[in-house]
Amino acid sequence: LAREIIKDIEDMEGDKGRNTLAMRIGVEKTRIVAWVILLFTMASILAPFALEIFPKIHLILIIPGLMLIFLVKRKLAYSEDRNAQLLIKRSLQLSLLGLITSTLI
């Protein structure tokens, strides 16, 4: 969801006259919304470990994806929307791979 919201910022030129979040609340507020969604995403990724559904040692498999999410904040702060959404995509891939591996171990 956060990635799609950031992509809306990138597509603002072509979205003139459409009712996108970026058009309604502005670019900076949209970036904040995307970051808040990413924070909730991190919490939901970590929740199974906090609830001891997955062993804490398997956090090692998730950390690379979470680290990429932290890098997104800097990209958003510097209006590097394209790089931000690409980092989110990579983070999603790494996190899913880590979670799948964690369930298989």
N, C-alpha and C. Protein backbone atom coordinates (compact mmCIF):
# COMPACT_ATOMS: atom_id res chain seq x y z
N LEU A 1 0.83 -1.19 0.00
CA LEU A 1 0.00 0.00 0.00
C LEU A 1 0.87 1.26 0.00
N ALA A 2 1.90 1.27 0.83
CA ALA A 2 2.78 2.44 0.90
C ALA A 2 3.46 2.67 -0.44
N ARG A 3 3.86 1.59 -1.07
CA ARG A 3 4.52 1.71 -2.38
C ARG A 3 3.56 2.31 -3.41
N GLU A 4 2.33 1.88 -3.42
CA GLU A 4 1.35 2.42 -4.37
C GLU A 4 1.07 3.89 -4.09
N ILE A 5 1.06 4.26 -2.83
CA ILE A 5 0.85 5.66 -2.47
C ILE A 5 2.01 6.51 -2.99
N ILE A 6 3.22 6.00 -2.84
CA ILE A 6 4.38 6.74 -3.35
C ILE A 6 4.35 6.80 -4.88
N LYS A 7 3.90 5.72 -5.49
CA LYS A 7 3.78 5.74 -6.96
C LYS A 7 2.76 6.79 -7.40
N ASP A 8 1.73 7.02 -6.59
CA ASP A 8 0.77 8.09 -6.89
C ASP A 8 1.46 9.45 -6.94
N ILE A 9 2.43 9.66 -6.07
CA ILE A 9 3.19 10.91 -6.09
C ILE A 9 3.95 11.02 -7.41
N GLU A 10 4.58 9.93 -7.81
CA GLU A 10 5.33 9.93 -9.07
C GLU A 10 4.42 10.22 -10.26
N ASP A 11 3.18 9.76 -10.20
CA ASP A 11 2.26 9.87 -11.33
C ASP A 11 1.38 11.11 -11.29
N MET A 12 1.68 12.05 -10.41
CA MET A 12 0.80 13.22 -10.26
C MET A 12 0.60 13.99 -11.57
N GLU A 13 1.64 14.09 -12.35
CA GLU A 13 1.53 14.82 -13.62
C GLU A 13 0.44 14.22 -14.50
N GLY A 14 0.43 12.91 -14.60
CA GLY A 14 -0.56 12.24 -15.43
C GLY A 14 -1.91 12.07 -14.76
N ASP A 15 -1.97 12.30 -13.45
CA ASP A 15 -3.21 12.12 -12.70
C ASP A 15 -4.01 13.40 -12.51
N LYS A 16 -3.67 14.44 -13.22
CA LYS A 16 -4.41 15.70 -13.07
C LYS A 16 -5.89 15.44 -13.32
N GLY A 17 -6.72 15.94 -12.43
CA GLY A 17 -8.16 15.75 -12.54
C GLY A 17 -8.66 14.48 -11.88
N ARG A 18 -7.76 13.64 -11.40
CA ARG A 18 -8.16 12.40 -10.71
C ARG A 18 -8.13 12.63 -9.21
N ASN A 19 -8.78 11.74 -8.50
CA ASN A 19 -8.94 11.88 -7.06
C ASN A 19 -7.97 10.96 -6.32
N THR A 20 -6.66 11.21 -6.45
CA THR A 20 -5.67 10.39 -5.75
C THR A 20 -5.34 11.04 -4.41
N LEU A 21 -4.76 10.26 -3.52
CA LEU A 21 -4.39 10.78 -2.21
C LEU A 21 -3.41 11.94 -2.34
N ALA A 22 -2.43 11.78 -3.20
CA ALA A 22 -1.43 12.84 -3.39
C ALA A 22 -2.07 14.14 -3.88
N MET A 23 -3.06 14.03 -4.74
CA MET A 23 -3.74 15.22 -5.26
C MET A 23 -4.62 15.86 -4.17
N ARG A 24 -5.19 15.04 -3.30
CA ARG A 24 -6.11 15.55 -2.28
C ARG A 24 -5.40 16.22 -1.11
N ILE A 25 -4.33 15.58 -0.61
CA ILE A 25 -3.71 16.12 0.61
C ILE A 25 -2.33 16.71 0.39
N GLY A 26 -1.79 16.57 -0.81
CA GLY A 26 -0.47 17.14 -1.10
C GLY A 26 0.64 16.11 -0.96
N VAL A 27 1.75 16.43 -1.56
CA VAL A 27 2.88 15.50 -1.65
C VAL A 27 3.48 15.20 -0.28
N GLU A 28 3.77 16.22 0.51
CA GLU A 28 4.45 15.99 1.80
C GLU A 28 3.58 15.16 2.74
N LYS A 29 2.31 15.48 2.84
CA LYS A 29 1.42 14.71 3.71
C LYS A 29 1.28 13.28 3.21
N THR A 30 1.29 13.10 1.90
CA THR A 30 1.20 11.76 1.33
C THR A 30 2.43 10.95 1.69
N ARG A 31 3.59 11.57 1.68
CA ARG A 31 4.82 10.87 2.09
C ARG A 31 4.74 10.46 3.56
N ILE A 32 4.17 11.31 4.39
CA ILE A 32 4.01 10.98 5.81
C ILE A 32 3.07 9.79 5.97
N VAL A 33 1.97 9.79 5.24
CA VAL A 33 1.02 8.67 5.29
C VAL A 33 1.73 7.38 4.89
N ALA A 34 2.52 7.43 3.82
CA ALA A 34 3.25 6.24 3.37
C ALA A 34 4.20 5.75 4.46
N TRP A 35 4.89 6.68 5.13
CA TRP A 35 5.83 6.29 6.18
C TRP A 35 5.10 5.66 7.36
N VAL A 36 3.96 6.21 7.75
CA VAL A 36 3.18 5.64 8.85
C VAL A 36 2.72 4.22 8.50
N ILE A 37 2.30 4.02 7.26
CA ILE A 37 1.90 2.68 6.82
C ILE A 37 3.10 1.73 6.90
N LEU A 38 4.27 2.21 6.54
CA LEU A 38 5.47 1.37 6.64
C LEU A 38 5.79 1.02 8.10
N LEU A 39 5.56 1.96 9.01
CA LEU A 39 5.77 1.66 10.44
C LEU A 39 4.83 0.55 10.90
N PHE A 40 3.56 0.63 10.48
CA PHE A 40 2.61 -0.44 10.81
C PHE A 40 3.03 -1.76 10.17
N THR A 41 3.59 -1.68 8.98
CA THR A 41 4.08 -2.88 8.30
C THR A 41 5.20 -3.52 9.11
N MET A 42 6.14 -2.70 9.57
CA MET A 42 7.24 -3.24 10.38
C MET A 42 6.70 -3.90 11.65
N ALA A 43 5.72 -3.26 12.28
CA ALA A 43 5.14 -3.83 13.49
C ALA A 43 4.47 -5.17 13.20
N SER A 44 3.77 -5.26 12.08
CA SER A 44 3.09 -6.51 11.75
C SER A 44 4.08 -7.61 11.36
N ILE A 45 5.21 -7.23 10.80
CA ILE A 45 6.25 -8.22 10.49
C ILE A 45 6.88 -8.74 11.78
N LEU A 46 7.07 -7.85 12.74
CA LEU A 46 7.72 -8.24 14.00
C LEU A 46 6.76 -8.91 14.99
N ALA A 47 5.46 -8.71 14.83
CA ALA A 47 4.47 -9.24 15.77
C ALA A 47 4.59 -10.75 15.99
N PRO A 48 4.71 -11.57 14.94
CA PRO A 48 4.81 -13.02 15.19
C PRO A 48 6.02 -13.41 16.04
N PHE A 49 7.06 -12.60 15.97
CA PHE A 49 8.24 -12.87 16.80
C PHE A 49 7.99 -12.43 18.24
N ALA A 50 7.35 -11.29 18.41
CA ALA A 50 7.03 -10.80 19.75
C ALA A 50 6.03 -11.72 20.45
N LEU A 51 5.12 -12.29 19.68
CA LEU A 51 4.12 -13.21 20.24
C LEU A 51 4.63 -14.64 20.32
N GLU A 52 5.89 -14.82 19.98
CA GLU A 52 6.58 -16.12 20.03
C GLU A 52 5.93 -17.16 19.13
N ILE A 53 5.34 -16.71 18.03
CA ILE A 53 4.84 -17.63 17.01
C ILE A 53 6.03 -18.18 16.23
N PHE A 54 6.97 -17.28 15.92
CA PHE A 54 8.23 -17.67 15.28
C PHE A 54 9.34 -17.52 16.31
N PRO A 55 10.33 -18.41 16.27
CA PRO A 55 11.47 -18.27 17.19
C PRO A 55 12.24 -16.97 16.92
N LYS A 56 12.69 -16.34 17.98
CA LYS A 56 13.40 -15.06 17.84
C LYS A 56 14.67 -15.18 17.00
N ILE A 57 15.27 -16.34 16.98
CA ILE A 57 16.49 -16.53 16.18
C ILE A 57 16.21 -16.31 14.69
N HIS A 58 14.99 -16.53 14.28
CA HIS A 58 14.62 -16.35 12.87
C HIS A 58 14.53 -14.88 12.47
N LEU A 59 14.61 -13.99 13.45
CA LEU A 59 14.66 -12.56 13.14
C LEU A 59 15.82 -12.23 12.21
N ILE A 60 16.86 -13.03 12.30
CA ILE A 60 18.02 -12.82 11.43
C ILE A 60 17.59 -12.86 9.96
N LEU A 61 16.58 -13.65 9.66
CA LEU A 61 16.11 -13.77 8.28
C LEU A 61 15.29 -12.56 7.84
N ILE A 62 14.75 -11.83 8.80
CA ILE A 62 13.85 -10.71 8.51
C ILE A 62 14.60 -9.37 8.51
N ILE A 63 15.67 -9.29 9.25
CA ILE A 63 16.38 -8.02 9.43
C ILE A 63 16.76 -7.33 8.11
N PRO A 64 17.24 -8.04 7.09
CA PRO A 64 17.58 -7.32 5.85
C PRO A 64 16.40 -6.54 5.25
N GLY A 65 15.23 -7.14 5.25
CA GLY A 65 14.05 -6.44 4.73
C GLY A 65 13.67 -5.25 5.58
N LEU A 66 13.77 -5.40 6.90
CA LEU A 66 13.44 -4.29 7.79
C LEU A 66 14.43 -3.14 7.65
N MET A 67 15.68 -3.47 7.44
CA MET A 67 16.69 -2.41 7.27
C MET A 67 16.39 -1.57 6.03
N LEU A 68 15.91 -2.21 4.99
CA LEU A 68 15.56 -1.46 3.78
C LEU A 68 14.40 -0.51 4.03
N ILE A 69 13.46 -0.93 4.88
CA ILE A 69 12.34 -0.03 5.21
C ILE A 69 12.87 1.23 5.90
N PHE A 70 13.86 1.07 6.78
CA PHE A 70 14.42 2.25 7.44
C PHE A 70 15.09 3.19 6.44
N LEU A 71 15.68 2.65 5.39
CA LEU A 71 16.30 3.48 4.36
C LEU A 71 15.27 4.28 3.56
N VAL A 72 14.04 3.79 3.51
CA VAL A 72 12.98 4.48 2.78
C VAL A 72 12.72 5.86 3.37
N LYS A 73 12.78 5.99 4.68
CA LYS A 73 12.51 7.27 5.33
C LYS A 73 13.40 8.37 4.77
N ARG A 74 14.67 8.07 4.60
CA ARG A 74 15.61 9.06 4.07
C ARG A 74 15.26 9.44 2.64
N LYS A 75 14.89 8.44 1.84
CA LYS A 75 14.52 8.71 0.45
C LYS A 75 13.28 9.59 0.39
N LEU A 76 12.32 9.34 1.26
CA LEU A 76 11.11 10.17 1.30
C LEU A 76 11.44 11.59 1.73
N ALA A 77 12.33 11.72 2.70
CA ALA A 77 12.70 13.05 3.20
C ALA A 77 13.37 13.89 2.11
N TYR A 78 14.09 13.23 1.21
CA TYR A 78 14.78 13.95 0.14
C TYR A 78 14.01 13.91 -1.19
N SER A 79 12.73 13.59 -1.11
CA SER A 79 11.85 13.56 -2.29
C SER A 79 12.33 12.61 -3.37
N GLU A 80 13.00 11.56 -2.99
CA GLU A 80 13.46 10.54 -3.94
C GLU A 80 12.41 9.43 -4.01
N ASP A 81 11.25 9.79 -4.55
CA ASP A 81 10.11 8.88 -4.53
C ASP A 81 10.36 7.60 -5.31
N ARG A 82 10.98 7.70 -6.44
CA ARG A 82 11.26 6.51 -7.26
C ARG A 82 12.15 5.53 -6.47
N ASN A 83 13.21 6.05 -5.87
CA ASN A 83 14.09 5.19 -5.08
C ASN A 83 13.38 4.63 -3.86
N ALA A 84 12.50 5.42 -3.25
CA ALA A 84 11.75 4.97 -2.08
C ALA A 84 10.87 3.78 -2.43
N GLN A 85 10.12 3.89 -3.53
CA GLN A 85 9.22 2.80 -3.87
C GLN A 85 9.98 1.56 -4.32
N LEU A 86 11.16 1.74 -4.92
CA LEU A 86 11.99 0.58 -5.28
C LEU A 86 12.54 -0.11 -4.03
N LEU A 87 12.92 0.68 -3.02
CA LEU A 87 13.38 0.09 -1.76
C LEU A 87 12.26 -0.68 -1.07
N ILE A 88 11.06 -0.13 -1.12
CA ILE A 88 9.91 -0.83 -0.52
C ILE A 88 9.70 -2.17 -1.22
N LYS A 89 9.81 -2.16 -2.53
CA LYS A 89 9.64 -3.40 -3.31
C LYS A 89 10.69 -4.43 -2.91
N ARG A 90 11.94 -4.02 -2.81
CA ARG A 90 13.02 -4.93 -2.40
C ARG A 90 12.81 -5.41 -0.96
N SER A 91 12.37 -4.51 -0.10
CA SER A 91 12.11 -4.87 1.29
C SER A 91 11.02 -5.93 1.38
N LEU A 92 9.97 -5.74 0.60
CA LEU A 92 8.88 -6.71 0.57
C LEU A 92 9.39 -8.07 0.13
N GLN A 93 10.20 -8.09 -0.90
CA GLN A 93 10.74 -9.35 -1.40
C GLN A 93 11.61 -10.04 -0.35
N LEU A 94 12.51 -9.28 0.26
CA LEU A 94 13.39 -9.86 1.28
C LEU A 94 12.62 -10.32 2.51
N SER A 95 11.66 -9.51 2.94
CA SER A 95 10.87 -9.87 4.13
C SER A 95 10.03 -11.11 3.89
N LEU A 96 9.40 -11.19 2.72
CA LEU A 96 8.61 -12.39 2.40
C LEU A 96 9.49 -13.63 2.33
N LEU A 97 10.64 -13.48 1.71
CA LEU A 97 11.57 -14.60 1.64
C LEU A 97 12.00 -15.03 3.04
N GLY A 98 12.27 -14.05 3.90
CA GLY A 98 12.64 -14.35 5.28
C GLY A 98 11.53 -15.03 6.05
N LEU A 99 10.29 -14.55 5.89
CA LEU A 99 9.16 -15.17 6.59
C LEU A 99 8.89 -16.58 6.08
N ILE A 100 8.97 -16.77 4.77
CA ILE A 100 8.76 -18.10 4.21
C ILE A 100 9.84 -19.05 4.72
N THR A 101 11.08 -18.61 4.69
CA THR A 101 12.18 -19.43 5.18
C THR A 101 11.99 -19.75 6.66
N SER A 102 11.54 -18.76 7.42
CA SER A 102 11.32 -18.94 8.86
C SER A 102 10.27 -20.02 9.13
N THR A 103 9.23 -20.06 8.32
CA THR A 103 8.18 -21.06 8.54
C THR A 103 8.64 -22.46 8.11
N LEU A 104 9.59 -22.52 7.19
CA LEU A 104 10.07 -23.81 6.70
C LEU A 104 11.13 -24.44 7.59
N ILE A 105 11.78 -23.61 8.40
CA ILE A 105 12.86 -24.12 9.27
C ILE A 105 12.27 -24.81 10.48
